[in-house]
N, C-alpha and C. Protein backbone atom coordinates (compact mmCIF):
# COMPACT_ATOMS: atom_id res chain seq x y z
N MET A 1 -54.01 -7.65 -27.49
CA MET A 1 -53.79 -9.07 -27.31
C MET A 1 -52.44 -9.27 -26.60
N PRO A 2 -52.41 -10.10 -25.55
CA PRO A 2 -51.15 -10.29 -24.82
C PRO A 2 -50.09 -10.99 -25.67
N ILE A 3 -48.85 -10.64 -25.42
CA ILE A 3 -47.73 -11.29 -26.09
C ILE A 3 -47.40 -12.60 -25.37
N VAL A 4 -47.44 -12.56 -24.04
CA VAL A 4 -47.16 -13.74 -23.22
C VAL A 4 -48.22 -13.80 -22.13
N ARG A 5 -48.79 -14.95 -21.92
CA ARG A 5 -49.76 -15.14 -20.85
C ARG A 5 -49.05 -15.67 -19.61
N GLY A 6 -49.54 -15.25 -18.46
CA GLY A 6 -49.02 -15.73 -17.19
C GLY A 6 -49.75 -16.96 -16.73
N GLY A 7 -49.44 -17.39 -15.51
CA GLY A 7 -50.16 -18.50 -14.91
C GLY A 7 -49.42 -19.82 -14.88
N ARG A 8 -48.18 -19.82 -15.36
CA ARG A 8 -47.40 -21.06 -15.34
C ARG A 8 -46.10 -20.81 -14.57
N GLY A 9 -45.53 -21.84 -14.05
CA GLY A 9 -44.26 -21.72 -13.34
C GLY A 9 -43.05 -21.75 -14.24
N ASN A 10 -43.20 -22.29 -15.44
CA ASN A 10 -42.08 -22.43 -16.38
C ASN A 10 -42.51 -21.94 -17.75
N TYR A 11 -41.53 -21.43 -18.49
CA TYR A 11 -41.79 -20.95 -19.85
C TYR A 11 -40.66 -21.40 -20.76
N GLY A 12 -40.92 -21.44 -22.05
CA GLY A 12 -39.87 -21.74 -23.02
C GLY A 12 -39.71 -23.21 -23.34
N GLU A 13 -40.60 -24.05 -22.84
CA GLU A 13 -40.55 -25.48 -23.14
C GLU A 13 -41.66 -25.80 -24.14
N ALA A 14 -41.38 -25.57 -25.41
CA ALA A 14 -42.41 -25.70 -26.44
C ALA A 14 -42.80 -27.15 -26.71
N VAL A 15 -41.88 -28.08 -26.51
CA VAL A 15 -42.15 -29.49 -26.79
C VAL A 15 -42.27 -30.26 -25.48
N GLY A 16 -43.39 -30.97 -25.34
CA GLY A 16 -43.59 -31.84 -24.20
C GLY A 16 -43.35 -33.28 -24.61
N ILE A 17 -42.76 -34.05 -23.70
CA ILE A 17 -42.44 -35.45 -24.00
C ILE A 17 -43.00 -36.34 -22.90
N LEU A 18 -43.91 -37.23 -23.28
CA LEU A 18 -44.47 -38.21 -22.35
C LEU A 18 -43.54 -39.41 -22.30
N THR A 19 -43.10 -39.77 -21.09
CA THR A 19 -42.17 -40.89 -20.96
C THR A 19 -42.84 -42.04 -20.22
N LEU A 20 -42.37 -43.23 -20.54
CA LEU A 20 -42.80 -44.40 -19.79
C LEU A 20 -42.17 -44.33 -18.40
N ASP A 21 -42.68 -45.11 -17.49
CA ASP A 21 -42.18 -45.20 -16.12
C ASP A 21 -41.05 -46.23 -16.12
N THR A 22 -39.82 -45.75 -16.35
CA THR A 22 -38.68 -46.64 -16.54
C THR A 22 -37.55 -46.32 -15.58
N ILE A 23 -36.61 -47.27 -15.46
CA ILE A 23 -35.39 -47.04 -14.69
C ILE A 23 -34.15 -47.14 -15.56
N PHE A 24 -34.30 -47.54 -16.82
CA PHE A 24 -33.12 -47.70 -17.67
C PHE A 24 -32.50 -46.34 -17.99
N PRO A 25 -31.19 -46.32 -18.23
CA PRO A 25 -30.52 -45.05 -18.52
C PRO A 25 -30.96 -44.49 -19.87
N ARG A 26 -31.14 -43.20 -19.90
CA ARG A 26 -31.51 -42.50 -21.13
C ARG A 26 -30.28 -41.74 -21.61
N ILE A 27 -29.56 -42.31 -22.55
CA ILE A 27 -28.31 -41.74 -23.02
C ILE A 27 -28.57 -40.61 -24.03
N PRO A 28 -27.60 -39.71 -24.24
CA PRO A 28 -27.78 -38.67 -25.25
C PRO A 28 -28.14 -39.30 -26.60
N GLY A 29 -29.11 -38.72 -27.25
CA GLY A 29 -29.65 -39.26 -28.49
C GLY A 29 -31.01 -39.90 -28.27
N ASP A 30 -31.28 -40.34 -27.06
CA ASP A 30 -32.58 -40.90 -26.68
C ASP A 30 -33.55 -39.73 -26.48
N VAL A 31 -34.76 -39.86 -26.97
CA VAL A 31 -35.76 -38.80 -26.83
C VAL A 31 -36.04 -38.50 -25.36
N GLY A 32 -35.74 -39.43 -24.46
CA GLY A 32 -35.95 -39.23 -23.04
C GLY A 32 -34.79 -38.56 -22.33
N ASN A 33 -33.79 -38.09 -23.06
CA ASN A 33 -32.66 -37.36 -22.49
C ASN A 33 -32.70 -35.94 -23.03
N ALA A 34 -32.84 -34.96 -22.15
CA ALA A 34 -33.00 -33.57 -22.58
C ALA A 34 -31.81 -33.05 -23.37
N THR A 35 -30.61 -33.63 -23.16
CA THR A 35 -29.44 -33.15 -23.92
C THR A 35 -29.51 -33.54 -25.39
N THR A 36 -30.44 -34.39 -25.75
CA THR A 36 -30.64 -34.76 -27.15
C THR A 36 -31.06 -33.53 -27.97
N PHE A 37 -31.70 -32.60 -27.34
CA PHE A 37 -32.29 -31.45 -28.03
C PHE A 37 -31.47 -30.19 -27.79
N ASP A 38 -31.45 -29.31 -28.77
CA ASP A 38 -30.74 -28.03 -28.59
C ASP A 38 -31.73 -26.93 -28.21
N PHE A 39 -32.85 -27.32 -27.63
CA PHE A 39 -33.86 -26.40 -27.12
C PHE A 39 -34.49 -27.05 -25.90
N PRO A 40 -35.10 -26.25 -25.01
CA PRO A 40 -35.69 -26.83 -23.80
C PRO A 40 -36.92 -27.69 -24.11
N VAL A 41 -37.02 -28.80 -23.42
CA VAL A 41 -38.18 -29.68 -23.51
C VAL A 41 -38.71 -29.91 -22.10
N ARG A 42 -39.94 -30.36 -22.02
CA ARG A 42 -40.54 -30.65 -20.71
C ARG A 42 -41.01 -32.11 -20.72
N PHE A 43 -40.63 -32.84 -19.69
CA PHE A 43 -40.99 -34.25 -19.58
C PHE A 43 -42.14 -34.45 -18.60
N ALA A 44 -42.94 -35.48 -18.85
CA ALA A 44 -43.95 -35.94 -17.91
C ALA A 44 -43.88 -37.46 -17.90
N VAL A 45 -43.58 -38.02 -16.73
CA VAL A 45 -43.52 -39.48 -16.58
C VAL A 45 -44.94 -39.99 -16.30
N VAL A 46 -45.36 -40.99 -17.04
CA VAL A 46 -46.67 -41.60 -16.83
C VAL A 46 -46.45 -42.80 -15.91
N ARG A 47 -46.74 -42.58 -14.63
CA ARG A 47 -46.50 -43.61 -13.61
C ARG A 47 -47.29 -44.88 -13.92
N GLY A 48 -46.62 -46.01 -13.77
CA GLY A 48 -47.25 -47.30 -14.02
C GLY A 48 -47.15 -47.77 -15.46
N ALA A 49 -46.70 -46.90 -16.35
CA ALA A 49 -46.58 -47.26 -17.78
C ALA A 49 -45.22 -47.90 -18.03
N SER A 50 -45.09 -49.13 -17.61
CA SER A 50 -43.83 -49.86 -17.79
C SER A 50 -43.68 -50.29 -19.25
N PRO A 51 -42.45 -50.56 -19.69
CA PRO A 51 -42.28 -51.07 -21.04
C PRO A 51 -43.12 -52.33 -21.30
N ARG A 52 -43.20 -53.21 -20.31
CA ARG A 52 -43.99 -54.44 -20.48
C ARG A 52 -45.46 -54.11 -20.75
N ARG A 53 -46.03 -53.20 -19.95
CA ARG A 53 -47.46 -52.86 -20.12
C ARG A 53 -47.73 -52.18 -21.45
N VAL A 54 -46.77 -51.40 -21.93
CA VAL A 54 -46.98 -50.67 -23.18
C VAL A 54 -46.67 -51.55 -24.39
N VAL A 55 -45.52 -52.21 -24.39
CA VAL A 55 -45.08 -52.98 -25.56
C VAL A 55 -45.80 -54.32 -25.67
N HIS A 56 -45.74 -55.11 -24.61
CA HIS A 56 -46.26 -56.48 -24.69
C HIS A 56 -47.76 -56.58 -24.39
N GLU A 57 -48.19 -55.91 -23.32
CA GLU A 57 -49.60 -56.02 -22.94
C GLU A 57 -50.49 -55.06 -23.73
N GLN A 58 -49.91 -53.97 -24.21
CA GLN A 58 -50.67 -52.94 -24.93
C GLN A 58 -51.94 -52.62 -24.15
N ASP A 59 -51.74 -52.31 -22.88
CA ASP A 59 -52.79 -52.16 -21.89
C ASP A 59 -53.66 -50.91 -22.14
N PRO A 60 -54.94 -51.10 -22.49
CA PRO A 60 -55.81 -49.96 -22.75
C PRO A 60 -56.07 -49.10 -21.51
N ALA A 61 -55.85 -49.65 -20.31
CA ALA A 61 -56.04 -48.88 -19.08
C ALA A 61 -55.04 -47.73 -18.98
N LEU A 62 -53.99 -47.76 -19.79
CA LEU A 62 -52.99 -46.68 -19.76
C LEU A 62 -53.43 -45.45 -20.55
N LEU A 63 -54.47 -45.57 -21.35
CA LEU A 63 -54.91 -44.42 -22.15
C LEU A 63 -55.23 -43.22 -21.27
N LYS A 64 -56.00 -43.42 -20.22
CA LYS A 64 -56.42 -42.31 -19.36
C LYS A 64 -55.22 -41.59 -18.75
N PRO A 65 -54.27 -42.29 -18.12
CA PRO A 65 -53.13 -41.55 -17.56
C PRO A 65 -52.27 -40.86 -18.62
N PHE A 66 -52.19 -41.42 -19.82
CA PHE A 66 -51.44 -40.74 -20.88
C PHE A 66 -52.17 -39.47 -21.32
N ILE A 67 -53.48 -39.53 -21.44
CA ILE A 67 -54.24 -38.33 -21.80
C ILE A 67 -54.09 -37.26 -20.72
N GLU A 68 -54.20 -37.65 -19.46
CA GLU A 68 -54.06 -36.69 -18.37
C GLU A 68 -52.68 -36.04 -18.38
N ALA A 69 -51.65 -36.82 -18.61
CA ALA A 69 -50.29 -36.27 -18.65
C ALA A 69 -50.11 -35.34 -19.85
N ALA A 70 -50.71 -35.69 -20.99
CA ALA A 70 -50.64 -34.82 -22.17
C ALA A 70 -51.35 -33.50 -21.90
N GLN A 71 -52.48 -33.56 -21.24
CA GLN A 71 -53.21 -32.34 -20.91
C GLN A 71 -52.43 -31.46 -19.94
N GLU A 72 -51.70 -32.09 -19.02
CA GLU A 72 -50.84 -31.33 -18.11
C GLU A 72 -49.71 -30.63 -18.87
N LEU A 73 -49.11 -31.32 -19.83
CA LEU A 73 -48.06 -30.69 -20.64
C LEU A 73 -48.63 -29.52 -21.43
N GLU A 74 -49.80 -29.70 -21.98
CA GLU A 74 -50.43 -28.60 -22.72
C GLU A 74 -50.70 -27.42 -21.79
N ALA A 75 -51.24 -27.69 -20.61
CA ALA A 75 -51.53 -26.62 -19.64
C ALA A 75 -50.25 -25.91 -19.20
N ALA A 76 -49.12 -26.63 -19.22
CA ALA A 76 -47.83 -26.05 -18.84
C ALA A 76 -47.23 -25.19 -19.95
N GLY A 77 -47.88 -25.18 -21.11
CA GLY A 77 -47.42 -24.32 -22.19
C GLY A 77 -46.78 -25.02 -23.37
N CYS A 78 -46.72 -26.34 -23.35
CA CYS A 78 -46.13 -27.05 -24.48
C CYS A 78 -47.02 -26.87 -25.71
N ARG A 79 -46.39 -26.65 -26.85
CA ARG A 79 -47.14 -26.40 -28.08
C ARG A 79 -47.15 -27.60 -29.02
N ALA A 80 -46.49 -28.67 -28.62
CA ALA A 80 -46.52 -29.96 -29.33
C ALA A 80 -46.10 -31.01 -28.32
N ILE A 81 -46.62 -32.23 -28.50
CA ILE A 81 -46.33 -33.31 -27.55
C ILE A 81 -45.98 -34.57 -28.32
N THR A 82 -44.97 -35.27 -27.81
CA THR A 82 -44.57 -36.55 -28.38
C THR A 82 -44.37 -37.54 -27.23
N THR A 83 -43.90 -38.73 -27.55
CA THR A 83 -43.69 -39.76 -26.53
C THR A 83 -42.33 -40.43 -26.74
N THR A 84 -41.97 -41.27 -25.78
CA THR A 84 -40.71 -42.00 -25.88
C THR A 84 -40.88 -43.42 -26.38
N CYS A 85 -42.09 -43.81 -26.76
CA CYS A 85 -42.32 -45.20 -27.18
C CYS A 85 -43.29 -45.26 -28.35
N GLY A 86 -42.84 -45.85 -29.45
CA GLY A 86 -43.64 -45.95 -30.65
C GLY A 86 -44.90 -46.78 -30.51
N PHE A 87 -44.95 -47.66 -29.52
CA PHE A 87 -46.14 -48.49 -29.34
C PHE A 87 -47.33 -47.68 -28.82
N LEU A 88 -47.07 -46.44 -28.41
CA LEU A 88 -48.17 -45.56 -28.02
C LEU A 88 -48.97 -45.11 -29.23
N ALA A 89 -48.57 -45.55 -30.41
CA ALA A 89 -49.36 -45.33 -31.62
C ALA A 89 -50.80 -45.78 -31.41
N LEU A 90 -50.99 -46.81 -30.60
CA LEU A 90 -52.34 -47.32 -30.32
C LEU A 90 -53.26 -46.24 -29.77
N PHE A 91 -52.69 -45.23 -29.13
CA PHE A 91 -53.49 -44.17 -28.50
C PHE A 91 -53.53 -42.89 -29.32
N GLN A 92 -52.98 -42.89 -30.52
CA GLN A 92 -52.83 -41.65 -31.29
C GLN A 92 -54.14 -40.88 -31.44
N GLN A 93 -55.17 -41.51 -31.93
CA GLN A 93 -56.41 -40.78 -32.21
C GLN A 93 -57.03 -40.21 -30.95
N GLU A 94 -57.10 -40.99 -29.90
CA GLU A 94 -57.71 -40.53 -28.66
C GLU A 94 -56.89 -39.41 -28.02
N MET A 95 -55.58 -39.55 -28.05
CA MET A 95 -54.73 -38.52 -27.43
C MET A 95 -54.77 -37.23 -28.23
N ALA A 96 -54.74 -37.32 -29.54
CA ALA A 96 -54.81 -36.12 -30.37
C ALA A 96 -56.13 -35.39 -30.16
N ALA A 97 -57.20 -36.14 -29.97
CA ALA A 97 -58.52 -35.53 -29.74
C ALA A 97 -58.63 -34.88 -28.37
N ALA A 98 -57.78 -35.30 -27.43
CA ALA A 98 -57.89 -34.83 -26.04
C ALA A 98 -57.08 -33.57 -25.76
N VAL A 99 -56.23 -33.15 -26.69
CA VAL A 99 -55.43 -31.95 -26.48
C VAL A 99 -55.61 -30.99 -27.65
N GLY A 100 -55.26 -29.74 -27.43
CA GLY A 100 -55.41 -28.74 -28.47
C GLY A 100 -54.12 -28.37 -29.16
N VAL A 101 -53.12 -29.23 -29.02
CA VAL A 101 -51.82 -29.02 -29.68
C VAL A 101 -51.49 -30.28 -30.47
N PRO A 102 -50.59 -30.19 -31.44
CA PRO A 102 -50.23 -31.39 -32.20
C PRO A 102 -49.69 -32.49 -31.28
N MET A 103 -50.14 -33.72 -31.52
CA MET A 103 -49.76 -34.88 -30.72
C MET A 103 -49.14 -35.91 -31.64
N PHE A 104 -47.91 -36.30 -31.33
CA PHE A 104 -47.17 -37.28 -32.14
C PHE A 104 -46.79 -38.45 -31.23
N THR A 105 -47.57 -39.52 -31.24
CA THR A 105 -47.29 -40.63 -30.33
C THR A 105 -46.18 -41.54 -30.81
N SER A 106 -45.93 -41.59 -32.11
CA SER A 106 -45.04 -42.62 -32.64
C SER A 106 -44.42 -42.21 -33.97
N SER A 107 -43.18 -42.59 -34.15
CA SER A 107 -42.54 -42.35 -35.46
C SER A 107 -43.19 -43.21 -36.54
N LEU A 108 -43.96 -44.22 -36.15
CA LEU A 108 -44.68 -45.03 -37.13
C LEU A 108 -45.67 -44.18 -37.94
N MET A 109 -46.03 -43.03 -37.41
CA MET A 109 -46.94 -42.12 -38.13
C MET A 109 -46.34 -41.68 -39.46
N GLN A 110 -45.03 -41.77 -39.59
CA GLN A 110 -44.36 -41.35 -40.82
C GLN A 110 -44.46 -42.38 -41.95
N MET A 111 -44.86 -43.59 -41.64
CA MET A 111 -44.85 -44.65 -42.65
C MET A 111 -45.65 -44.32 -43.91
N PRO A 112 -46.89 -43.82 -43.81
CA PRO A 112 -47.62 -43.50 -45.04
C PRO A 112 -46.95 -42.41 -45.87
N ILE A 113 -46.33 -41.45 -45.21
CA ILE A 113 -45.64 -40.37 -45.94
C ILE A 113 -44.40 -40.93 -46.64
N VAL A 114 -43.63 -41.72 -45.91
CA VAL A 114 -42.40 -42.28 -46.49
C VAL A 114 -42.75 -43.19 -47.67
N GLN A 115 -43.83 -43.96 -47.55
CA GLN A 115 -44.23 -44.84 -48.66
C GLN A 115 -44.41 -44.05 -49.95
N ARG A 116 -44.98 -42.88 -49.85
CA ARG A 116 -45.22 -42.06 -51.03
C ARG A 116 -43.94 -41.49 -51.63
N MET A 117 -42.84 -41.57 -50.88
CA MET A 117 -41.55 -41.08 -51.37
C MET A 117 -40.75 -42.17 -52.08
N LEU A 118 -41.20 -43.41 -51.95
CA LEU A 118 -40.45 -44.55 -52.48
C LEU A 118 -41.02 -45.05 -53.80
N ARG A 119 -40.18 -45.76 -54.52
CA ARG A 119 -40.66 -46.46 -55.72
C ARG A 119 -41.61 -47.57 -55.29
N PRO A 120 -42.48 -48.02 -56.17
CA PRO A 120 -43.43 -49.08 -55.82
C PRO A 120 -42.77 -50.38 -55.37
N ASP A 121 -41.55 -50.65 -55.82
CA ASP A 121 -40.89 -51.91 -55.45
C ASP A 121 -40.10 -51.80 -54.15
N GLN A 122 -40.10 -50.65 -53.51
CA GLN A 122 -39.36 -50.47 -52.27
C GLN A 122 -40.28 -50.63 -51.06
N VAL A 123 -39.67 -51.06 -49.94
CA VAL A 123 -40.42 -51.22 -48.69
C VAL A 123 -39.72 -50.44 -47.59
N ILE A 124 -40.45 -50.17 -46.54
CA ILE A 124 -39.93 -49.44 -45.39
C ILE A 124 -39.38 -50.44 -44.38
N GLY A 125 -38.24 -50.11 -43.80
CA GLY A 125 -37.67 -50.91 -42.72
C GLY A 125 -38.05 -50.31 -41.38
N VAL A 126 -38.55 -51.13 -40.49
CA VAL A 126 -38.96 -50.68 -39.16
C VAL A 126 -38.14 -51.45 -38.12
N LEU A 127 -37.44 -50.71 -37.27
CA LEU A 127 -36.74 -51.31 -36.13
C LEU A 127 -37.59 -51.03 -34.90
N THR A 128 -37.83 -52.07 -34.11
CA THR A 128 -38.77 -51.93 -32.99
C THR A 128 -38.29 -52.72 -31.78
N ALA A 129 -38.88 -52.42 -30.64
CA ALA A 129 -38.51 -53.09 -29.40
C ALA A 129 -38.77 -54.59 -29.48
N HIS A 130 -39.89 -54.98 -30.07
CA HIS A 130 -40.22 -56.41 -30.20
C HIS A 130 -41.09 -56.58 -31.44
N SER A 131 -40.57 -57.32 -32.41
CA SER A 131 -41.27 -57.43 -33.69
C SER A 131 -42.65 -58.08 -33.57
N ASP A 132 -42.81 -59.02 -32.65
CA ASP A 132 -44.12 -59.67 -32.50
C ASP A 132 -45.17 -58.70 -31.97
N ALA A 133 -44.75 -57.71 -31.21
CA ALA A 133 -45.69 -56.74 -30.64
C ALA A 133 -46.14 -55.70 -31.66
N LEU A 134 -45.40 -55.57 -32.75
CA LEU A 134 -45.78 -54.61 -33.79
C LEU A 134 -46.84 -55.28 -34.67
N ASN A 135 -48.05 -55.29 -34.16
CA ASN A 135 -49.15 -56.03 -34.80
C ASN A 135 -50.00 -55.10 -35.67
N PRO A 136 -50.95 -55.66 -36.41
CA PRO A 136 -51.79 -54.85 -37.30
C PRO A 136 -52.56 -53.73 -36.58
N ARG A 137 -52.94 -53.94 -35.32
CA ARG A 137 -53.64 -52.88 -34.57
C ARG A 137 -52.76 -51.65 -34.41
N VAL A 138 -51.48 -51.86 -34.11
CA VAL A 138 -50.56 -50.73 -33.92
C VAL A 138 -50.43 -49.96 -35.23
N LEU A 139 -50.23 -50.67 -36.32
CA LEU A 139 -50.08 -50.01 -37.62
C LEU A 139 -51.37 -49.31 -38.05
N ALA A 140 -52.50 -49.94 -37.83
CA ALA A 140 -53.78 -49.34 -38.22
C ALA A 140 -54.05 -48.05 -37.45
N ALA A 141 -53.58 -47.97 -36.22
CA ALA A 141 -53.83 -46.79 -35.39
C ALA A 141 -53.20 -45.53 -35.96
N VAL A 142 -52.19 -45.70 -36.82
CA VAL A 142 -51.53 -44.53 -37.43
C VAL A 142 -51.67 -44.54 -38.95
N GLY A 143 -52.60 -45.33 -39.46
CA GLY A 143 -52.86 -45.34 -40.90
C GLY A 143 -51.80 -46.04 -41.72
N ALA A 144 -51.06 -46.96 -41.11
CA ALA A 144 -49.96 -47.63 -41.81
C ALA A 144 -50.24 -49.10 -42.08
N GLU A 145 -51.49 -49.54 -41.94
CA GLU A 145 -51.78 -50.97 -42.07
C GLU A 145 -51.50 -51.52 -43.46
N GLY A 146 -51.61 -50.74 -44.50
CA GLY A 146 -51.36 -51.25 -45.85
C GLY A 146 -50.00 -50.89 -46.41
N VAL A 147 -49.14 -50.33 -45.58
CA VAL A 147 -47.83 -49.88 -46.04
C VAL A 147 -46.86 -51.06 -46.07
N PRO A 148 -46.25 -51.36 -47.23
CA PRO A 148 -45.27 -52.46 -47.29
C PRO A 148 -44.07 -52.15 -46.39
N HIS A 149 -43.70 -53.14 -45.56
CA HIS A 149 -42.59 -52.93 -44.64
C HIS A 149 -41.98 -54.26 -44.22
N VAL A 150 -40.77 -54.17 -43.71
CA VAL A 150 -40.11 -55.29 -43.05
C VAL A 150 -39.78 -54.83 -41.64
N VAL A 151 -39.72 -55.77 -40.70
CA VAL A 151 -39.54 -55.42 -39.30
C VAL A 151 -38.35 -56.16 -38.71
N GLY A 152 -37.56 -55.45 -37.94
CA GLY A 152 -36.50 -56.04 -37.13
C GLY A 152 -36.78 -55.72 -35.68
N GLY A 153 -36.74 -56.73 -34.83
CA GLY A 153 -37.05 -56.52 -33.41
C GLY A 153 -35.83 -56.67 -32.53
N SER A 154 -35.78 -55.89 -31.46
CA SER A 154 -34.63 -55.94 -30.56
C SER A 154 -34.63 -57.18 -29.67
N GLN A 155 -35.70 -57.98 -29.72
CA GLN A 155 -35.69 -59.20 -28.92
C GLN A 155 -34.54 -60.12 -29.33
N ASP A 156 -34.02 -59.90 -30.54
CA ASP A 156 -32.89 -60.69 -31.02
C ASP A 156 -31.55 -60.05 -30.68
N ALA A 157 -31.58 -58.93 -29.98
CA ALA A 157 -30.37 -58.22 -29.55
C ALA A 157 -30.44 -58.06 -28.04
N PRO A 158 -30.00 -59.08 -27.28
CA PRO A 158 -30.22 -59.08 -25.83
C PRO A 158 -29.67 -57.86 -25.10
N ASP A 159 -28.58 -57.29 -25.57
CA ASP A 159 -28.05 -56.11 -24.88
C ASP A 159 -29.03 -54.96 -24.92
N PHE A 160 -29.68 -54.75 -26.05
CA PHE A 160 -30.69 -53.69 -26.18
C PHE A 160 -31.97 -54.10 -25.45
N TYR A 161 -32.47 -55.28 -25.74
CA TYR A 161 -33.75 -55.73 -25.21
C TYR A 161 -33.77 -55.75 -23.68
N ASN A 162 -32.71 -56.28 -23.09
CA ASN A 162 -32.67 -56.38 -21.62
C ASN A 162 -32.68 -55.02 -20.94
N VAL A 163 -32.08 -54.03 -21.57
CA VAL A 163 -32.08 -52.69 -20.99
C VAL A 163 -33.41 -51.99 -21.23
N PHE A 164 -33.81 -51.86 -22.49
CA PHE A 164 -34.91 -50.97 -22.83
C PHE A 164 -36.29 -51.60 -22.78
N VAL A 165 -36.40 -52.89 -22.85
CA VAL A 165 -37.72 -53.53 -22.76
C VAL A 165 -37.88 -54.22 -21.41
N GLN A 166 -36.82 -54.89 -20.95
CA GLN A 166 -36.88 -55.52 -19.64
C GLN A 166 -36.62 -54.51 -18.52
N ASN A 167 -36.22 -53.27 -18.90
CA ASN A 167 -36.09 -52.15 -17.97
C ASN A 167 -34.94 -52.33 -16.98
N ARG A 168 -33.80 -52.81 -17.47
CA ARG A 168 -32.61 -52.94 -16.62
C ARG A 168 -32.05 -51.55 -16.35
N ASP A 169 -31.46 -51.34 -15.18
CA ASP A 169 -31.02 -49.99 -14.80
C ASP A 169 -29.57 -49.68 -15.15
N TRP A 170 -28.97 -50.46 -16.04
CA TRP A 170 -27.59 -50.16 -16.47
C TRP A 170 -27.37 -50.65 -17.89
N ILE A 171 -26.43 -50.02 -18.54
CA ILE A 171 -26.04 -50.44 -19.90
C ILE A 171 -24.65 -51.01 -19.82
């Protein structure tokens, strides 16, 4: 049995990251900045997937290009794939079914696990790009529809919202 298979141009990028098609700066600490990680990652930009189309429109036409990009990351050797936007939770089931590696579309996937760690009187706090866009469909897509939570949206923080949701090219 081979130790390493050939056929790829790059090796050692175990984690693939699907990014939205953005122009805003990705500072260290952002999942879209490679310096955030102390190991190599591989990015794939999904062209046309603007923050508006993903967050506000929740455009189902984006599913196909996200699946294709995930399959490309898998073919490039990535052994797990994630995204830069939690609203891609809407595509979790379809994307996971389309690749043969673990697929993590959203940190919202952690809500059911975290709930089990809390006392019954505690709730989960969710910070999101826009609280109105975090609707029951998004939560249901990751099994979090019945999880008690409170939401804070960045629409009330114009410095954040204008950069990361309105896609401004400077901070």
